[in-house]
Amino acid sequence: MKYLPKLIPEKSKALPDYFKPKQGKGKIKQEKHKLAFSIAGALFLVLAFYFIRHPMLFILLGFLSFISFPYGKKWMERKLIFKLTPSILMGTYVAFIALLIPLTIHYKAVDKETDRIARIKVQQEQQARELATKKEQLRKDSLNIFIQAAESAQNDTEAAKLQLRKASRFLLTDSENVRYANLERRVINTAASRYFKAKQYKKALNEYATLISFDKANPEAYYQRAYCYYKLGKVREAVADLNHSKDLGYESASTLYNKVNPLKRRISYYVTRCCDGSTSSAKGRGACSWHGGVCNWNDPVYEEYRKY
């Protein structure tokens, strides 16, 4: 049976003081239990959030925390329709803690292994970064060594080209490629000039061809290569390069062009020349009759041309 307060009006009660709750040790004991279980609930709540990474522990600890607080205790009593006494609550604690201990030990081991793997991963990443830094520094040092060697050997173009080929294996950034390309042009230009002055036109030809491949708008390189072609007897190729050089505005190209491919004259056809200088299309009597007569029946007419 359950006591229902205020069911009987106060004035109609036969023993008005009989059903009043007694004050004293019982009330104090209830308050102590309430405080103790609330503290336990707070502790379980803290532990639940500590183990939030592990859903099973989080749920179990969260449940213990919930039923430890007055609201949760009353909610359980309404749902299960029984009195959740301190002894039952303590029994629930013991049962759940017996389950939580092995789970906690297991998850602690899991966390420890996870942390160990994470530390190893961090160490490996750090080592990889350090190794990459060392490799990058080695690459830069190697590139600088070969570039400096090529700069020092510019007068010995073959040696400079060898150092450039070695340096090309270490190129990576845009600025390095620009530095390499500028040096390569200087080395090849030096080689071309040296071969040209030594009249080694075949070797100079190859160097100028490389310079043109770098910059197809280099009129001087076309002119120098044309001269090499001319000296090697390849007039058609020389004329083609001189046309490129002229088109790009190189003045000396016109002079060499006229020398390599001069203007020539040839007979295009013959005309009847009158004595007054005019011409006639007539071939018989009466030709040039109004122009002083015929002075030359086959006067040649010339045209100018170039061979190439």
Protein backbone atom coordinates (compact mmCIF):
# COMPACT_ATOMS: atom_id res chain seq x y z
CA MET A 1 0.00 0.00 0.00
CA LYS A 2 1.14 3.47 -0.78
CA TYR A 3 0.47 6.54 1.30
CA LEU A 4 -1.24 9.33 -0.62
CA PRO A 5 -0.81 12.69 1.04
CA LYS A 6 -3.72 15.18 1.41
CA LEU A 7 -6.27 12.54 0.37
CA ILE A 8 -8.33 13.37 3.53
CA PRO A 9 -8.96 17.05 4.34
CA GLU A 10 -7.10 18.27 7.39
CA LYS A 11 -10.21 19.04 9.44
CA SER A 12 -11.65 15.54 8.83
CA LYS A 13 -8.56 13.62 9.97
CA ALA A 14 -9.06 11.51 13.17
CA LEU A 15 -5.34 11.40 13.92
CA PRO A 16 -3.90 14.41 12.08
CA ASP A 17 -0.34 13.89 13.33
CA TYR A 18 -0.15 10.13 12.73
CA PHE A 19 0.81 10.17 9.07
CA LYS A 20 3.18 13.14 9.20
CA PRO A 21 6.77 12.19 8.31
CA LYS A 22 8.99 11.98 11.31
CA GLN A 23 11.97 14.29 11.51
CA GLY A 24 15.34 13.13 12.76
CA LYS A 25 17.94 10.52 11.93
CA GLY A 26 16.00 9.01 8.97
CA LYS A 27 15.81 12.32 7.16
CA ILE A 28 19.50 13.02 7.70
CA LYS A 29 20.40 9.54 6.48
CA GLN A 30 18.38 10.03 3.27
CA GLU A 31 20.11 13.32 2.59
CA LYS A 32 23.50 11.70 3.10
CA HIS A 33 22.59 8.90 0.68
CA LYS A 34 21.36 11.43 -1.86
CA LEU A 35 24.60 13.45 -1.59
CA ALA A 36 26.80 10.33 -1.75
CA PHE A 37 25.03 8.99 -4.83
CA SER A 38 25.14 12.41 -6.50
CA ILE A 39 28.91 12.53 -5.93
CA ALA A 40 29.19 9.01 -7.35
CA GLY A 41 27.09 10.11 -10.34
CA ALA A 42 29.39 13.05 -10.99
CA LEU A 43 32.41 10.74 -10.79
CA PHE A 44 30.82 8.28 -13.22
CA LEU A 45 29.97 11.16 -15.57
CA VAL A 46 33.59 12.35 -15.57
CA LEU A 47 34.78 8.79 -16.25
CA ALA A 48 32.20 8.42 -19.05
CA PHE A 49 33.60 11.44 -20.87
CA TYR A 50 37.16 10.25 -20.19
CA PHE A 51 36.36 7.00 -22.01
CA ILE A 52 34.20 8.64 -24.69
CA ARG A 53 36.40 7.08 -27.38
CA HIS A 54 35.08 3.67 -26.33
CA PRO A 55 31.29 3.53 -26.77
CA MET A 56 30.71 0.52 -24.46
CA LEU A 57 32.47 2.13 -21.50
CA PHE A 58 30.83 5.47 -22.24
CA ILE A 59 27.33 3.94 -22.24
CA LEU A 60 27.84 1.89 -19.06
CA LEU A 61 29.40 4.74 -17.09
CA GLY A 62 26.80 7.15 -18.42
CA PHE A 63 24.03 4.83 -17.24
CA LEU A 64 25.54 4.58 -13.75
CA SER A 65 25.84 8.35 -13.65
CA PHE A 66 22.23 8.80 -14.74
CA ILE A 67 20.69 6.52 -12.09
CA SER A 68 22.89 8.04 -9.37
CA PHE A 69 21.30 11.49 -9.66
CA PRO A 70 17.86 12.05 -8.13
CA TYR A 71 16.18 12.72 -11.46
CA GLY A 72 17.60 9.57 -13.04
CA LYS A 73 16.72 7.49 -9.95
CA LYS A 74 13.09 8.67 -10.04
CA TRP A 75 12.88 8.06 -13.78
CA MET A 76 14.06 4.46 -13.33
CA GLU A 77 11.58 3.92 -10.48
CA ARG A 78 8.69 5.15 -12.66
CA LYS A 79 9.73 3.02 -15.64
CA LEU A 80 10.42 -0.16 -13.67
CA ILE A 81 7.73 0.45 -10.99
CA PHE A 82 9.86 -0.41 -7.98
CA LYS A 83 11.82 1.38 -5.30
CA LEU A 84 15.48 1.87 -6.18
CA THR A 85 16.82 1.57 -2.66
CA PRO A 86 20.42 2.38 -1.70
CA SER A 87 21.19 -1.34 -1.33
CA ILE A 88 19.83 -2.10 -4.84
CA LEU A 89 21.75 0.88 -6.21
CA MET A 90 24.94 -0.34 -4.52
CA GLY A 91 24.36 -3.81 -5.94
CA THR A 92 23.98 -2.27 -9.38
CA TYR A 93 27.27 -0.42 -8.84
CA VAL A 94 29.04 -3.64 -7.88
CA ALA A 95 27.63 -5.57 -10.87
CA PHE A 96 28.52 -2.83 -13.36
CA ILE A 97 31.97 -2.23 -11.84
CA ALA A 98 32.68 -5.97 -12.10
CA LEU A 99 31.90 -5.63 -15.81
CA LEU A 100 33.74 -2.34 -16.20
CA ILE A 101 37.04 -3.48 -14.69
CA PRO A 102 37.99 -5.99 -17.46
CA LEU A 103 36.61 -3.63 -20.12
CA THR A 104 38.70 -0.79 -18.71
CA ILE A 105 41.82 -2.97 -18.62
CA HIS A 106 41.18 -4.05 -22.22
CA TYR A 107 40.62 -0.53 -23.50
CA LYS A 108 43.63 0.77 -21.59
CA ALA A 109 45.72 -1.80 -23.42
CA VAL A 110 44.09 -0.75 -26.69
CA ASP A 111 44.80 2.92 -25.97
CA LYS A 112 48.37 2.12 -25.07
CA GLU A 113 48.88 0.22 -28.32
CA THR A 114 47.18 3.00 -30.28
CA ASP A 115 49.42 5.60 -28.67
CA ARG A 116 52.47 3.44 -29.40
CA ILE A 117 51.51 3.13 -33.06
CA ALA A 118 50.81 6.89 -33.21
CA ARG A 119 54.24 7.65 -31.74
CA ILE A 120 55.89 5.32 -34.23
CA LYS A 121 53.99 7.01 -37.06
CA VAL A 122 55.05 10.45 -35.86
CA GLN A 123 58.66 9.27 -35.61
CA GLN A 124 58.50 7.78 -39.10
CA GLU A 125 57.02 10.99 -40.50
CA GLN A 126 59.72 13.01 -38.76
CA GLN A 127 62.42 10.71 -40.13
CA ALA A 128 60.88 10.93 -43.60
CA ARG A 129 60.90 14.74 -43.42
CA GLU A 130 64.49 14.77 -42.23
CA LEU A 131 65.49 12.37 -45.00
CA ALA A 132 63.67 14.46 -47.60
CA THR A 133 65.41 17.59 -46.28
CA LYS A 134 68.79 15.88 -46.52
CA LYS A 135 68.07 14.65 -50.05
CA GLU A 136 66.93 18.11 -51.12
CA GLN A 137 70.04 19.70 -49.65
CA LEU A 138 72.22 17.08 -51.37
CA ARG A 139 70.45 17.79 -54.67
CA LYS A 140 71.00 21.54 -54.34
CA ASP A 141 74.65 21.08 -53.34
CA SER A 142 75.27 18.74 -56.29
CA LEU A 143 73.59 21.16 -58.70
CA ASN A 144 75.63 24.11 -57.42
CA ILE A 145 78.88 22.13 -57.66
CA PHE A 146 78.31 21.20 -61.32
CA ILE A 147 76.98 24.65 -62.26
CA GLN A 148 80.03 26.33 -60.71
CA ALA A 149 82.31 23.84 -62.45
CA ALA A 150 80.62 24.65 -65.78
CA GLU A 151 81.01 28.38 -65.16
CA SER A 152 84.70 27.92 -64.40
CA ALA A 153 85.25 25.83 -67.55
CA GLN A 154 83.52 28.10 -70.08
CA ASN A 155 86.72 28.48 -72.08
CA ASP A 156 86.92 24.68 -72.33
CA THR A 157 83.50 24.20 -73.87
CA GLU A 158 83.60 20.40 -73.94
CA ALA A 159 84.42 20.28 -70.24
CA ALA A 160 81.71 22.88 -69.55
CA LYS A 161 79.14 20.85 -71.50
CA LEU A 162 80.07 17.74 -69.51
CA GLN A 163 79.47 19.59 -66.24
CA LEU A 164 76.16 20.91 -67.60
CA ARG A 165 75.01 17.40 -68.48
CA LYS A 166 75.77 16.33 -64.92
CA ALA A 167 73.97 19.38 -63.52
CA SER A 168 70.86 18.69 -65.64
CA ARG A 169 70.11 15.58 -63.55
CA PHE A 170 69.53 17.74 -60.47
CA LEU A 171 67.27 20.44 -61.95
CA LEU A 172 63.91 20.85 -60.24
CA THR A 173 62.65 24.41 -59.72
CA ASP A 174 61.87 27.07 -62.34
CA SER A 175 64.63 29.35 -61.09
CA GLU A 176 67.17 26.52 -61.38
CA ASN A 177 66.05 25.81 -64.94
CA VAL A 178 66.39 29.47 -65.87
CA ARG A 179 69.89 29.65 -64.35
CA TYR A 180 70.88 26.45 -66.17
CA ALA A 181 69.46 27.63 -69.52
CA ASN A 182 71.28 30.98 -69.35
CA LEU A 183 74.59 29.28 -68.60
CA GLU A 184 74.04 26.71 -71.32
CA ARG A 185 73.45 29.48 -73.87
CA ARG A 186 76.63 31.25 -72.80
CA VAL A 187 78.67 28.04 -73.07
CA ILE A 188 77.28 27.17 -76.50
CA ASN A 189 77.68 30.73 -77.75
CA THR A 190 81.31 30.70 -76.60
CA ALA A 191 81.87 27.37 -78.35
CA ALA A 192 80.23 28.59 -81.57
CA SER A 193 82.34 31.78 -81.62
CA ARG A 194 85.53 29.83 -80.98
CA TYR A 195 84.84 27.33 -83.76
CA PHE A 196 83.80 30.14 -86.10
CA LYS A 197 87.01 32.10 -85.53
CA ALA A 198 89.06 28.93 -85.98
CA LYS A 199 87.21 28.33 -89.30
CA GLN A 200 85.90 25.02 -88.02
CA TYR A 201 82.61 25.71 -89.72
CA LYS A 202 81.12 22.24 -89.39
CA LYS A 203 81.47 22.30 -85.60
CA ALA A 204 80.32 25.92 -85.44
CA LEU A 205 77.27 24.96 -87.53
CA ASN A 206 76.10 22.50 -84.88
CA GLU A 207 76.53 25.05 -82.10
CA TYR A 208 74.54 27.71 -83.96
CA ALA A 209 71.83 25.16 -84.69
CA THR A 210 71.54 24.55 -80.93
CA LEU A 211 71.36 28.29 -80.25
CA ILE A 212 68.56 28.63 -82.81
CA SER A 213 66.67 25.76 -81.17
CA PHE A 214 66.79 27.77 -77.93
CA ASP A 215 65.63 31.01 -79.58
CA LYS A 216 64.09 30.97 -83.05
CA ALA A 217 64.06 34.78 -83.13
CA ASN A 218 67.86 35.15 -82.90
CA PRO A 219 68.86 36.92 -86.17
CA GLU A 220 72.59 36.83 -85.46
CA ALA A 221 72.56 33.06 -84.95
CA TYR A 222 70.81 32.64 -88.33
CA TYR A 223 73.40 34.90 -89.95
CA GLN A 224 76.36 33.04 -88.45
CA ARG A 225 74.90 29.66 -89.39
CA ALA A 226 74.27 30.93 -92.94
CA TYR A 227 77.93 31.93 -93.21
CA CYS A 228 78.95 28.44 -92.06
CA TYR A 229 76.65 26.89 -94.68
CA TYR A 230 78.15 29.19 -97.32
CA LYS A 231 81.69 28.19 -96.40
CA LEU A 232 80.71 24.53 -96.49
CA GLY A 233 79.22 24.95 -99.98
CA LYS A 234 75.59 24.61 -98.90
CA VAL A 235 74.34 27.76 -100.61
CA ARG A 236 70.64 26.86 -100.60
CA GLU A 237 70.67 26.40 -96.80
CA ALA A 238 72.69 29.61 -96.43
CA VAL A 239 70.13 31.57 -98.43
CA ALA A 240 67.25 30.21 -96.31
CA ASP A 241 68.98 31.30 -93.08
CA LEU A 242 69.85 34.71 -94.54
CA ASN A 243 66.20 35.27 -95.45
CA HIS A 244 65.27 34.52 -91.81
CA SER A 245 67.96 36.87 -90.57
CA LYS A 246 66.82 39.68 -92.92
CA ASP A 247 63.21 39.22 -91.88
CA LEU A 248 64.31 39.60 -88.24
CA GLY A 249 66.01 42.92 -89.09
CA TYR A 250 69.71 41.92 -89.15
CA GLU A 251 71.35 44.44 -91.52
CA SER A 252 74.51 42.48 -92.36
CA ALA A 253 72.36 39.65 -93.71
CA SER A 254 71.47 41.63 -96.86
CA THR A 255 75.13 42.14 -97.79
CA LEU A 256 75.98 38.44 -97.41
CA TYR A 257 72.74 37.51 -99.17
CA ASN A 258 73.74 39.53 -102.27
CA LYS A 259 77.15 37.91 -102.21
CA VAL A 260 75.90 34.37 -101.77
CA ASN A 261 72.93 34.72 -104.09
CA PRO A 262 73.80 37.59 -106.48
CA LEU A 263 71.54 39.08 -109.16
CA LYS A 264 72.11 37.63 -112.63
CA ARG A 265 70.89 38.55 -116.12
CA ARG A 266 69.52 36.31 -118.83
CA ILE A 267 67.76 36.77 -122.16
CA SER A 268 64.06 36.58 -121.71
CA TYR A 269 63.00 37.08 -125.36
CA TYR A 270 63.89 39.00 -128.60
CA VAL A 271 62.25 42.05 -130.18
CA THR A 272 62.53 43.99 -133.43
CA ARG A 273 64.30 47.22 -132.56
CA CYS A 274 63.59 50.33 -134.60
CA CYS A 275 66.27 52.92 -135.18
CA ASP A 276 64.48 55.43 -133.00
CA GLY A 277 64.66 52.98 -130.08
CA SER A 278 61.09 51.75 -130.28
CA THR A 279 60.08 48.16 -131.00
CA SER A 280 57.85 46.64 -133.64
CA SER A 281 55.90 43.43 -133.76
CA ALA A 282 56.08 43.23 -137.54
CA LYS A 283 58.44 40.73 -139.08
CA GLY A 284 58.37 41.60 -142.79
CA ARG A 285 58.50 44.66 -145.08
CA GLY A 286 57.12 47.76 -143.47
CA ALA A 287 58.45 47.03 -140.01
CA CYS A 288 59.56 50.27 -138.34
CA SER A 289 58.61 52.17 -141.51
CA TRP A 290 57.45 55.12 -139.44
CA HIS A 291 60.34 54.85 -136.95
CA GLY A 292 63.44 55.24 -139.04
CA GLY A 293 63.62 51.64 -140.17
CA VAL A 294 64.83 48.45 -138.47
CA CYS A 295 68.17 48.65 -136.70
CA ASN A 296 68.11 45.12 -135.17
CA TRP A 297 65.71 42.31 -136.08
CA ASN A 298 66.68 40.26 -132.97
CA ASP A 299 67.38 42.68 -130.15
CA PRO A 300 67.54 40.66 -126.87
CA VAL A 301 65.50 41.66 -123.80
CA TYR A 302 67.10 40.70 -120.47
CA GLU A 303 65.61 39.86 -117.06
CA GLU A 304 67.25 39.80 -113.64
CA TYR A 305 67.04 36.72 -111.38
CA ARG A 306 68.72 34.97 -108.49
CA LYS A 307 69.64 31.32 -108.47
CA TYR A 308 68.02 30.67 -105.06
